[in-house]
Protein backbone atom coordinates (compact mmCIF):
# COMPACT_ATOMS: atom_id res chain seq x y z
CA MET A 1 0.00 0.00 0.00
CA THR A 2 1.48 3.37 -1.03
CA GLU A 3 2.01 6.32 1.30
CA THR A 4 -0.69 8.29 -0.55
CA SER A 5 -3.26 5.53 -0.19
CA LEU A 6 -2.43 5.24 3.52
CA SER A 7 -2.96 8.98 4.03
CA ASN A 8 -6.30 8.81 2.18
CA ARG A 9 -7.52 5.78 4.14
CA PRO A 10 -9.13 7.72 7.06
CA LYS A 11 -11.00 9.94 4.61
CA GLN A 12 -12.23 6.92 2.66
CA MET A 13 -13.35 5.19 5.85
CA LEU A 14 -15.24 8.25 7.08
CA GLY A 15 -16.79 8.51 3.63
CA ASN A 16 -18.61 5.23 4.31
CA ILE A 17 -20.49 6.75 7.25
CA ALA A 18 -23.82 8.58 7.06
CA ILE A 19 -25.85 10.43 9.69
CA VAL A 20 -29.52 9.37 9.56
CA LEU A 21 -32.04 11.58 11.40
CA MET A 22 -35.41 9.96 12.07
CA GLN A 23 -38.23 12.55 11.84
CA PRO A 24 -36.38 15.53 13.35
CA LYS A 25 -38.81 18.16 14.64
CA TYR A 26 -36.78 21.30 14.00
CA PRO A 27 -34.93 22.19 10.77
CA GLU A 28 -32.35 24.12 12.80
CA ASN A 29 -31.30 20.90 14.52
CA ILE A 30 -30.65 19.31 11.13
CA GLY A 31 -28.37 22.21 10.24
CA ALA A 32 -26.52 21.96 13.56
CA ALA A 33 -26.11 18.20 13.07
CA ALA A 34 -24.66 18.81 9.59
CA ARG A 35 -22.15 21.23 11.07
CA CYS A 36 -21.08 18.73 13.75
CA ALA A 37 -20.76 15.89 11.24
CA LEU A 38 -18.59 17.91 8.84
CA ASN A 39 -16.26 18.92 11.67
CA MET A 40 -15.52 15.21 12.09
CA GLY A 41 -15.07 14.42 8.40
CA ILE A 42 -18.54 12.97 7.77
CA SER A 43 -20.31 14.54 4.82
CA ARG A 44 -23.44 12.44 4.18
CA LEU A 45 -26.69 13.43 5.84
CA ILE A 46 -30.03 11.61 5.50
CA VAL A 47 -33.41 12.70 6.87
CA VAL A 48 -36.42 10.42 7.26
CA HIS A 49 -39.44 12.66 6.86
CA LYS A 50 -42.55 12.82 4.73
CA GLU A 51 -41.85 16.47 3.91
CA VAL A 52 -38.58 18.17 3.02
CA PRO A 53 -37.53 20.42 5.94
CA ASP A 54 -37.16 24.16 5.40
CA GLN A 55 -33.78 24.65 3.77
CA GLU A 56 -33.30 28.25 4.85
CA GLN A 57 -33.70 27.36 8.53
CA MET A 58 -31.30 24.43 8.16
CA LEU A 59 -28.67 26.60 6.48
CA LYS A 60 -28.72 29.13 9.33
CA MET A 61 -27.28 26.56 11.74
CA ALA A 62 -25.13 24.65 9.25
CA THR A 63 -23.07 27.76 8.37
CA HIS A 64 -21.59 28.22 4.91
CA LYS A 65 -18.95 25.52 5.48
CA ALA A 66 -21.54 22.74 5.82
CA ALA A 67 -24.05 24.25 3.39
CA HIS A 68 -23.28 21.57 0.79
CA LEU A 69 -24.48 18.86 3.21
CA ILE A 70 -27.85 20.61 3.39
CA LYS A 71 -28.04 21.15 -0.37
CA ASN A 72 -27.17 17.49 -0.95
CA LEU A 73 -29.48 16.31 1.82
CA GLU A 74 -31.07 12.89 1.14
CA GLN A 75 -34.71 12.59 2.18
CA PHE A 76 -36.78 9.39 2.44
CA PRO A 77 -40.38 8.82 3.56
CA SER A 78 -39.58 5.63 5.53
CA LEU A 79 -36.72 4.35 7.65
CA ALA A 80 -36.52 1.06 5.72
CA GLU A 81 -35.84 2.96 2.48
CA ALA A 82 -33.28 5.25 4.12
CA LEU A 83 -31.29 2.35 5.59
CA ALA A 84 -31.55 0.01 2.58
CA PRO A 85 -27.91 0.30 1.36
CA PHE A 86 -26.24 0.14 4.79
CA SER A 87 -24.62 -3.04 6.08
CA HIS A 88 -24.49 -1.91 9.70
CA VAL A 89 -26.72 0.49 11.63
CA VAL A 90 -25.84 2.05 14.98
CA GLY A 91 -28.91 3.16 16.92
CA THR A 92 -28.72 5.73 19.72
CA THR A 93 -31.04 5.55 22.72
CA ALA A 94 -31.21 6.87 26.27
CA ARG A 95 -33.98 4.49 27.33
CA GLN A 96 -33.20 1.07 28.75
CA GLY A 97 -35.25 -1.87 29.93
CA ARG A 98 -35.99 -5.56 29.36
CA LYS A 99 -36.83 -4.93 25.71
CA ARG A 100 -33.73 -2.82 25.07
CA ILE A 101 -30.39 -4.56 24.67
CA ILE A 102 -27.67 -1.93 25.13
CA GLU A 103 -24.15 -3.23 24.81
CA ASN A 104 -21.97 -0.21 24.09
CA SER A 105 -21.11 3.35 24.90
CA PRO A 106 -19.82 5.38 21.93
CA ARG A 107 -16.20 4.76 22.97
CA TYR A 108 -16.56 0.98 23.12
CA MET A 109 -18.51 0.66 19.87
CA LEU A 110 -15.28 1.34 17.97
CA ASP A 111 -14.13 -2.28 18.15
CA THR A 112 -17.27 -3.20 16.19
CA ILE A 113 -17.45 -0.25 13.80
CA LEU A 114 -13.85 0.39 12.73
CA PRO A 115 -13.24 -3.00 11.00
CA LEU A 116 -16.42 -2.49 8.96
CA LEU A 117 -15.56 0.90 7.48
CA GLU A 118 -13.16 -0.39 4.85
CA ASN A 119 -15.78 -2.34 2.87
CA ASN A 120 -19.19 -1.44 4.29
CA GLN A 121 -21.54 1.50 4.58
CA VAL A 122 -22.43 2.33 8.20
CA ALA A 123 -25.34 4.48 9.38
CA LEU A 124 -25.52 6.38 12.68
CA LEU A 125 -29.22 6.60 13.48
CA PHE A 126 -30.72 9.29 15.74
CA GLY A 127 -34.35 9.62 16.83
CA PRO A 128 -36.70 12.58 17.15
CA GLU A 129 -35.89 15.20 19.78
CA ASN A 130 -39.05 14.61 21.83
CA ARG A 131 -39.05 10.80 22.14
CA GLY A 132 -35.96 9.20 20.59
CA LEU A 133 -36.01 5.95 18.64
CA THR A 134 -38.84 3.48 19.17
CA ASN A 135 -38.43 -0.30 19.42
CA GLU A 136 -39.74 -0.48 15.86
CA ASP A 137 -36.94 1.87 14.74
CA LEU A 138 -34.28 0.00 16.69
CA LYS A 139 -35.12 -3.32 15.04
CA TYR A 140 -32.98 -2.20 12.08
CA CYS A 141 -29.91 -1.69 14.30
CA GLN A 142 -27.11 -4.21 14.76
CA THR A 143 -25.49 -2.04 17.45
CA LYS A 144 -27.24 0.10 20.06
CA VAL A 145 -25.40 2.73 22.08
CA THR A 146 -26.21 4.96 25.02
CA ILE A 147 -24.20 8.10 25.71
CA PRO A 148 -23.24 7.93 29.40
CA THR A 149 -24.29 10.99 31.41
CA SER A 150 -24.70 11.95 35.05
CA ASP A 151 -28.08 11.83 36.83
CA PHE A 152 -29.57 14.23 34.28
CA SER A 153 -29.72 12.80 30.76
CA SER A 154 -30.97 15.31 28.18
CA LEU A 155 -28.66 15.88 25.23
CA ASN A 156 -30.00 17.72 22.22
CA LEU A 157 -29.80 16.16 18.78
CA ALA A 158 -26.70 18.01 17.56
CA GLN A 159 -24.82 17.21 20.79
CA ALA A 160 -25.52 13.49 20.39
CA VAL A 161 -24.39 13.63 16.74
CA ALA A 162 -21.20 15.46 17.74
CA ILE A 163 -20.27 12.87 20.40
CA LEU A 164 -20.69 9.83 18.15
CA CYS A 165 -18.96 11.50 15.20
CA TYR A 166 -16.05 12.56 17.40
CA GLU A 167 -15.54 9.04 18.76
CA ILE A 168 -15.44 7.56 15.27
CA TYR A 169 -13.19 10.35 13.95
CA TRP A 170 -10.79 9.80 16.87
CA GLY A 171 -10.89 6.03 16.35
CA VAL A 172 -10.15 6.26 12.64
CA ASN A 173 -7.34 8.82 12.98
CA TYR A 174 -5.75 8.40 16.40
CA ALA A 175 -6.72 5.14 18.10
CA GLY A 176 -3.78 3.31 16.54
CA LYS A 177 -5.62 0.01 16.61
CA ILE A 178 -4.57 -2.59 14.07
CA MET A 179 -7.72 -4.38 12.99
CA GLN A 180 -8.45 -6.79 10.19
CA SER A 181 -11.04 -5.36 7.83
CA SER A 182 -14.39 -7.12 7.73
CA PRO A 183 -15.69 -8.38 4.37
CA LYS A 184 -18.63 -6.74 2.66
CA LEU A 185 -21.76 -7.72 4.55
CA ALA A 186 -25.39 -8.02 3.49
CA SER A 187 -27.22 -4.71 3.18
CA SER A 188 -30.20 -3.74 5.34
CA HIS A 189 -32.45 -4.31 2.33
CA GLU A 190 -31.14 -7.88 1.94
CA LEU A 191 -31.41 -8.56 5.67
CA GLU A 192 -34.99 -7.27 5.85
CA GLY A 193 -36.00 -9.64 3.04
CA MET A 194 -34.45 -12.49 5.02
CA PHE A 195 -36.09 -11.42 8.29
CA GLU A 196 -39.54 -11.38 6.67
CA HIS A 197 -39.20 -15.05 5.74
CA VAL A 198 -37.64 -15.98 9.10
CA GLU A 199 -40.54 -14.35 10.97
CA GLU A 200 -43.12 -16.03 8.72
CA LEU A 201 -41.47 -19.41 9.31
CA LEU A 202 -41.30 -18.95 13.09
CA ASN A 203 -44.97 -17.97 13.12
CA ARG A 204 -45.85 -21.00 11.00
CA VAL A 205 -44.15 -23.45 13.39
CA GLY A 206 -45.68 -21.76 16.44
CA PHE A 207 -42.48 -20.33 17.92
CA LEU A 208 -43.86 -16.77 18.04
CA ARG A 209 -47.41 -17.58 19.12
CA THR A 210 -47.06 -15.95 22.50
CA GLU A 211 -48.35 -12.78 24.10
CA ASP A 212 -44.91 -11.20 23.69
CA SER A 213 -44.04 -12.34 20.16
CA SER A 214 -42.65 -8.92 19.19
CA TYR A 215 -40.08 -9.20 21.98
CA TRP A 216 -38.92 -12.61 20.76
CA ILE A 217 -38.66 -11.64 17.09
CA ARG A 218 -36.56 -8.61 18.10
CA ASN A 219 -34.18 -10.97 19.89
CA VAL A 220 -34.03 -13.26 16.85
CA ARG A 221 -33.31 -10.25 14.61
CA TYR A 222 -30.66 -9.03 17.02
CA PHE A 223 -28.96 -12.44 17.09
CA LEU A 224 -28.88 -12.83 13.29
CA GLY A 225 -27.86 -9.20 12.84
CA ARG A 226 -24.88 -9.67 15.16
CA VAL A 227 -23.59 -12.66 13.17
CA GLY A 228 -22.41 -10.42 10.34
CA LEU A 229 -24.00 -12.25 7.43
CA ARG A 230 -22.82 -11.74 3.88
CA ALA A 231 -25.34 -11.34 1.07
CA LYS A 232 -24.94 -14.97 -0.05
CA GLU A 233 -25.48 -16.27 3.48
CA ALA A 234 -28.61 -14.15 3.90
CA ARG A 235 -29.94 -15.62 0.63
CA ILE A 236 -29.25 -19.17 1.87
CA ILE A 237 -31.24 -18.58 5.07
CA ARG A 238 -34.02 -16.95 3.08
CA GLY A 239 -34.06 -19.84 0.61
CA PHE A 240 -34.28 -22.40 3.41
CA CYS A 241 -37.26 -20.57 4.93
CA ARG A 242 -39.02 -20.27 1.57
CA GLN A 243 -38.53 -23.98 0.85
CA PHE A 244 -39.92 -24.97 4.25
CA LEU A 245 -42.94 -22.67 3.78
CA TRP A 246 -43.53 -24.13 0.29
CA TYR A 247 -43.39 -27.68 1.66
CA ASP A 248 -45.82 -26.78 4.43
CA ASP A 249 -48.22 -25.31 1.85
CA GLN A 250 -48.04 -28.51 -0.22
CA LEU A 251 -48.70 -30.59 2.88
CA LYS A 252 -51.76 -28.50 3.68
CA LYS A 253 -53.08 -28.92 0.13
CA GLN A 254 -52.58 -32.71 0.36
CA THR A 255 -54.36 -32.80 3.72
CA ALA A 256 -57.23 -30.74 2.32
CA ALA A 257 -57.58 -33.14 -0.63
CA GLU A 258 -57.63 -36.14 1.73
CA ASN A 259 -60.28 -34.48 3.88
CA ALA A 260 -62.40 -33.73 0.82
CA LYS A 261 -62.20 -37.38 -0.30
CA ASN A 262 -63.16 -38.62 3.15
CA PHE A 263 -66.06 -36.18 3.18
CA ARG A 264 -67.35 -37.53 -0.13
CA VAL A 265 -67.12 -41.13 1.12
CA ALA A 266 -68.97 -40.21 4.31
CA ARG A 267 -71.62 -38.33 2.33
CA ASP A 268 -72.20 -41.23 -0.08
CA THR A 269 -72.40 -43.65 2.84
CA GLU A 270 -75.07 -41.51 4.47
CA TYR A 271 -77.22 -41.15 1.34
CA TYR A 272 -76.61 -44.43 -0.52
CA GLY A 273 -75.46 -46.88 2.08
CA ASP A 274 -72.27 -48.89 2.44
CA GLU A 275 -72.43 -50.25 -1.12
CA ALA A 276 -72.22 -46.73 -2.60
CA ALA A 277 -69.24 -45.92 -0.41
CA GLU A 278 -67.54 -49.14 -1.55
CA GLU A 279 -68.32 -48.21 -5.15
CA GLU A 280 -66.76 -44.79 -4.61
CA THR A 281 -63.59 -46.46 -3.39
CA CYS A 282 -63.52 -48.92 -6.30
CA CYS A 283 -64.03 -46.15 -8.86
CA LYS A 284 -60.88 -44.43 -7.60
CA LYS A 285 -58.96 -47.55 -8.64
CA SER A 286 -60.78 -48.04 -11.96
CA PRO A 287 -60.06 -46.07 -15.16
CA TYR A 288 -63.83 -46.00 -15.89
CA LYS A 289 -66.21 -43.57 -14.20
CA ARG A 290 -69.39 -44.89 -12.67
CA SER A 291 -72.72 -43.56 -13.88
CA ARG A 292 -76.10 -43.36 -12.25
């Protein structure tokens, strides 16, 4: 590797990161987030919103240096569409509980994130200012982080963006960790297609037929998301699930046909007696149809 390519490596790694803001309430916060991101070498900003936020208000807080992030702002109506190309999603949350698995602070997430940046796109996902990310939002995340604070925990959106961006910028440029790069992993779009079939299969076999099925499927998603599946591996799992579902459908059709035949035999026995039922059975073995 040449000296030039080594010097460009941090910039290339940071270029694989995007800030994703889920339904931000105030355009000014988007501008402030853009400013924080650019300070740390991250220049891709995505907003999940049904309407495009007011550009003038965003530009006021972005300043002229980060104005190009606002002008090149990517906007999507749904989180699934926004995250489709990303292989790893980091979700930020301040809430914890039985249904929230939090394994990292921003500093300790680096061991997971840094090896991915060579060959994968990574999204840093932030929730709305008034409520944060929901469990439904967090289902897309392979890593969940909480910014440690004192007794009072109330960071604004731009502050949270600044902290995560700084930790990654420091890790890429100054941590000095020698890590083997991870291969290219399956995208969020590919994983979601796999998860749909996995959930359908688990429902079909009765694994998720409980009062708290959403909790269990989140744990299944979390487990498979942590494995680090490649696109081919995700397709294999999806193919297995589809084949099992197809076989189950065929079995149901065969059972329905058997039930229909038994119903006809029972009906003929009721109306015509045992001889008619025996005739029905014999006709199934004969190439000639009976006539009345």
